[in-house]
Amino acid sequence: MIINTSEVYFDGFLRVEHRSYYAACAGNHIDLRRAEFLTISRLSQNPDRFVTGKEIWQYVWQTEKPFNQESLKVYIYCLRRKLEPHGIRIETMVNVGYKLVSVQHSRNV
């Protein structure tokens, strides 16, 4: 059962508490920096679709920084390195965006 509210995303494996900046896989806390957490938070709020790079950038940095596709790719790369040991992937669809995939959850479906 997937729980996806404005406060919590939980798919039975990955838990993201949007307001408290908490993310965990199988009960194990994942240490994320602010931008990394906000990225996974945005992706988990939209689990059934690809989220555009601009949408992620705007959610994370709002108007503080102009959109930079190359910088976003670096942030996504770093986030992937932290999530993959936990069985979570970020899929890329070129010219479309990014999507969060819980490997553990997709095996159980």
C-alpha atoms as a PDB file:
ATOM      1  CA  MET A   1       0.000   0.000   0.000  1.00  0.00           C
ATOM      2  CA  ILE A   2       1.352   3.413  -0.981  1.00  0.00           C
ATOM      3  CA  ILE A   3       0.685   6.410   1.233  1.00  0.00           C
ATOM      4  CA  ASN A   4       1.207   9.723  -0.531  1.00  0.00           C
ATOM      5  CA  THR A   5      -0.028  12.828   1.283  1.00  0.00           C
ATOM      6  CA  SER A   6       1.216  16.386   1.508  1.00  0.00           C
ATOM      7  CA  GLU A   7       3.174  15.368   4.612  1.00  0.00           C
ATOM      8  CA  VAL A   8       4.383  11.788   3.992  1.00  0.00           C
ATOM      9  CA  TYR A   9       5.245   9.445   1.146  1.00  0.00           C
ATOM     10  CA  PHE A  10       5.550   5.770   2.107  1.00  0.00           C
ATOM     11  CA  ASP A  11       5.551   2.824  -0.288  1.00  0.00           C
ATOM     12  CA  GLY A  12       6.303   0.118   2.273  1.00  0.00           C
ATOM     13  CA  PHE A  13      10.045   0.577   1.741  1.00  0.00           C
ATOM     14  CA  LEU A  14      10.853   4.248   1.150  1.00  0.00           C
ATOM     15  CA  ARG A  15       9.540   6.834   3.594  1.00  0.00           C
ATOM     16  CA  VAL A  16       9.832  10.572   2.978  1.00  0.00           C
ATOM     17  CA  GLU A  17       8.475  12.993   5.568  1.00  0.00           C
ATOM     18  CA  HIS A  18       8.305  16.233   3.594  1.00  0.00           C
ATOM     19  CA  ARG A  19       7.980  18.715   6.440  1.00  0.00           C
ATOM     20  CA  SER A  20      10.490  17.169   8.833  1.00  0.00           C
ATOM     21  CA  TYR A  21      13.216  16.584   6.206  1.00  0.00           C
ATOM     22  CA  TYR A  22      13.352  12.864   7.000  1.00  0.00           C
ATOM     23  CA  ALA A  23      13.993  10.070   4.510  1.00  0.00           C
ATOM     24  CA  ALA A  24      14.480   6.375   5.255  1.00  0.00           C
ATOM     25  CA  CYS A  25      14.613   3.044   3.435  1.00  0.00           C
ATOM     26  CA  ALA A  26      13.485  -0.076   5.238  1.00  0.00           C
ATOM     27  CA  GLY A  27      13.633   1.945   8.462  1.00  0.00           C
ATOM     28  CA  ASN A  28      17.231   3.102   7.908  1.00  0.00           C
ATOM     29  CA  HIS A  29      17.703   6.872   7.865  1.00  0.00           C
ATOM     30  CA  ILE A  30      19.303   8.303   4.716  1.00  0.00           C
ATOM     31  CA  ASP A  31      21.579  11.266   5.393  1.00  0.00           C
ATOM     32  CA  LEU A  32      20.788  13.886   2.756  1.00  0.00           C
ATOM     33  CA  ARG A  33      21.749  17.507   2.280  1.00  0.00           C
ATOM     34  CA  ARG A  34      18.953  20.070   1.950  1.00  0.00           C
ATOM     35  CA  ALA A  35      18.944  20.172  -1.880  1.00  0.00           C
ATOM     36  CA  GLU A  36      19.111  16.374  -2.064  1.00  0.00           C
ATOM     37  CA  PHE A  37      16.227  15.987   0.338  1.00  0.00           C
ATOM     38  CA  LEU A  38      14.092  18.542  -1.482  1.00  0.00           C
ATOM     39  CA  THR A  39      14.785  16.733  -4.755  1.00  0.00           C
ATOM     40  CA  ILE A  40      13.696  13.335  -3.405  1.00  0.00           C
ATOM     41  CA  SER A  41      10.737  15.028  -1.730  1.00  0.00           C
ATOM     42  CA  ARG A  42       9.579  16.531  -5.025  1.00  0.00           C
ATOM     43  CA  LEU A  43      10.042  13.270  -6.891  1.00  0.00           C
ATOM     44  CA  SER A  44       8.160  11.293  -4.231  1.00  0.00           C
ATOM     45  CA  GLN A  45       5.265  13.757  -4.363  1.00  0.00           C
ATOM     46  CA  ASN A  46       4.870  12.747  -8.017  1.00  0.00           C
ATOM     47  CA  PRO A  47       5.603   9.004  -8.041  1.00  0.00           C
ATOM     48  CA  ASP A  48       3.588   8.218 -11.154  1.00  0.00           C
ATOM     49  CA  ARG A  49       5.191  10.693 -13.532  1.00  0.00           C
ATOM     50  CA  PHE A  50       8.450  12.161 -14.709  1.00  0.00           C
ATOM     51  CA  VAL A  51       9.177  15.528 -13.099  1.00  0.00           C
ATOM     52  CA  THR A  52      10.883  18.095 -15.296  1.00  0.00           C
ATOM     53  CA  GLY A  53      14.292  19.425 -14.380  1.00  0.00           C
ATOM     54  CA  LYS A  54      12.901  22.958 -14.243  1.00  0.00           C
ATOM     55  CA  GLU A  55      10.173  21.871 -11.836  1.00  0.00           C
ATOM     56  CA  ILE A  56      12.725  20.236  -9.522  1.00  0.00           C
ATOM     57  CA  TRP A  57      15.028  23.265  -9.747  1.00  0.00           C
ATOM     58  CA  GLN A  58      12.224  25.671  -8.935  1.00  0.00           C
ATOM     59  CA  TYR A  59      11.078  23.535  -5.987  1.00  0.00           C
ATOM     60  CA  VAL A  60      14.607  23.303  -4.545  1.00  0.00           C
ATOM     61  CA  TRP A  61      15.999  26.776  -5.229  1.00  0.00           C
ATOM     62  CA  GLN A  62      12.837  28.768  -6.010  1.00  0.00           C
ATOM     63  CA  THR A  63      14.115  32.075  -7.385  1.00  0.00           C
ATOM     64  CA  GLU A  64      17.517  32.037  -5.643  1.00  0.00           C
ATOM     65  CA  LYS A  65      19.367  30.683  -8.680  1.00  0.00           C
ATOM     66  CA  PRO A  66      18.547  30.695 -12.375  1.00  0.00           C
ATOM     67  CA  PHE A  67      17.887  27.241 -13.823  1.00  0.00           C
ATOM     68  CA  ASN A  68      21.080  25.375 -14.746  1.00  0.00           C
ATOM     69  CA  GLN A  69      20.596  21.971 -16.378  1.00  0.00           C
ATOM     70  CA  GLU A  70      24.236  20.927 -15.903  1.00  0.00           C
ATOM     71  CA  SER A  71      24.200  21.744 -12.181  1.00  0.00           C
ATOM     72  CA  LEU A  72      20.957  19.798 -11.773  1.00  0.00           C
ATOM     73  CA  LYS A  73      22.577  16.773 -13.420  1.00  0.00           C
ATOM     74  CA  VAL A  74      25.392  16.937 -10.851  1.00  0.00           C
ATOM     75  CA  TYR A  75      22.884  17.093  -7.962  1.00  0.00           C
ATOM     76  CA  ILE A  76      20.943  14.157  -9.408  1.00  0.00           C
ATOM     77  CA  TYR A  77      24.181  12.179  -9.839  1.00  0.00           C
ATOM     78  CA  CYS A  78      25.173  12.762  -6.191  1.00  0.00           C
ATOM     79  CA  LEU A  79      21.694  11.859  -4.995  1.00  0.00           C
ATOM     80  CA  ARG A  80      21.730   8.661  -7.059  1.00  0.00           C
ATOM     81  CA  ARG A  81      24.983   7.603  -5.404  1.00  0.00           C
ATOM     82  CA  LYS A  82      23.375   7.972  -1.969  1.00  0.00           C
ATOM     83  CA  LEU A  83      20.117   6.220  -2.897  1.00  0.00           C
ATOM     84  CA  GLU A  84      21.321   3.257  -4.961  1.00  0.00           C
ATOM     85  CA  PRO A  85      22.753   1.305  -1.985  1.00  0.00           C
ATOM     86  CA  HIS A  86      19.239   1.488  -0.515  1.00  0.00           C
ATOM     87  CA  GLY A  87      17.586   0.077  -3.630  1.00  0.00           C
ATOM     88  CA  ILE A  88      16.239   3.359  -4.949  1.00  0.00           C
ATOM     89  CA  ARG A  89      16.869   4.650  -8.446  1.00  0.00           C
ATOM     90  CA  ILE A  90      16.183   7.887 -10.230  1.00  0.00           C
ATOM     91  CA  GLU A  91      15.208   7.218 -13.828  1.00  0.00           C
ATOM     92  CA  THR A  92      15.952   9.772 -16.511  1.00  0.00           C
ATOM     93  CA  MET A  93      13.870  10.273 -19.606  1.00  0.00           C
ATOM     94  CA  VAL A  94      15.876  12.515 -21.913  1.00  0.00           C
ATOM     95  CA  ASN A  95      14.161  15.837 -22.635  1.00  0.00           C
ATOM     96  CA  VAL A  96      11.363  14.932 -20.220  1.00  0.00           C
ATOM     97  CA  GLY A  97      12.629  14.658 -16.633  1.00  0.00           C
ATOM     98  CA  TYR A  98      13.281  12.400 -13.667  1.00  0.00           C
ATOM     99  CA  LYS A  99      11.294   9.757 -11.828  1.00  0.00           C
ATOM    100  CA  LEU A 100      11.874   8.049  -8.484  1.00  0.00           C
ATOM    101  CA  VAL A 101      11.826   4.244  -8.591  1.00  0.00           C
ATOM    102  CA  SER A 102      11.960   2.122  -5.466  1.00  0.00           C
ATOM    103  CA  VAL A 103      13.519  -1.126  -6.662  1.00  0.00           C
ATOM    104  CA  GLN A 104      12.276  -3.032  -3.619  1.00  0.00           C
ATOM    105  CA  HIS A 105       8.730  -1.775  -4.110  1.00  0.00           C
ATOM    106  CA  SER A 106       8.682  -2.531  -7.849  1.00  0.00           C
ATOM    107  CA  ARG A 107       9.726  -6.153  -7.115  1.00  0.00           C
ATOM    108  CA  ASN A 108       6.764  -6.563  -4.770  1.00  0.00           C
ATOM    109  CA  VAL A 109       4.191  -5.170  -7.197  1.00  0.00           C
END
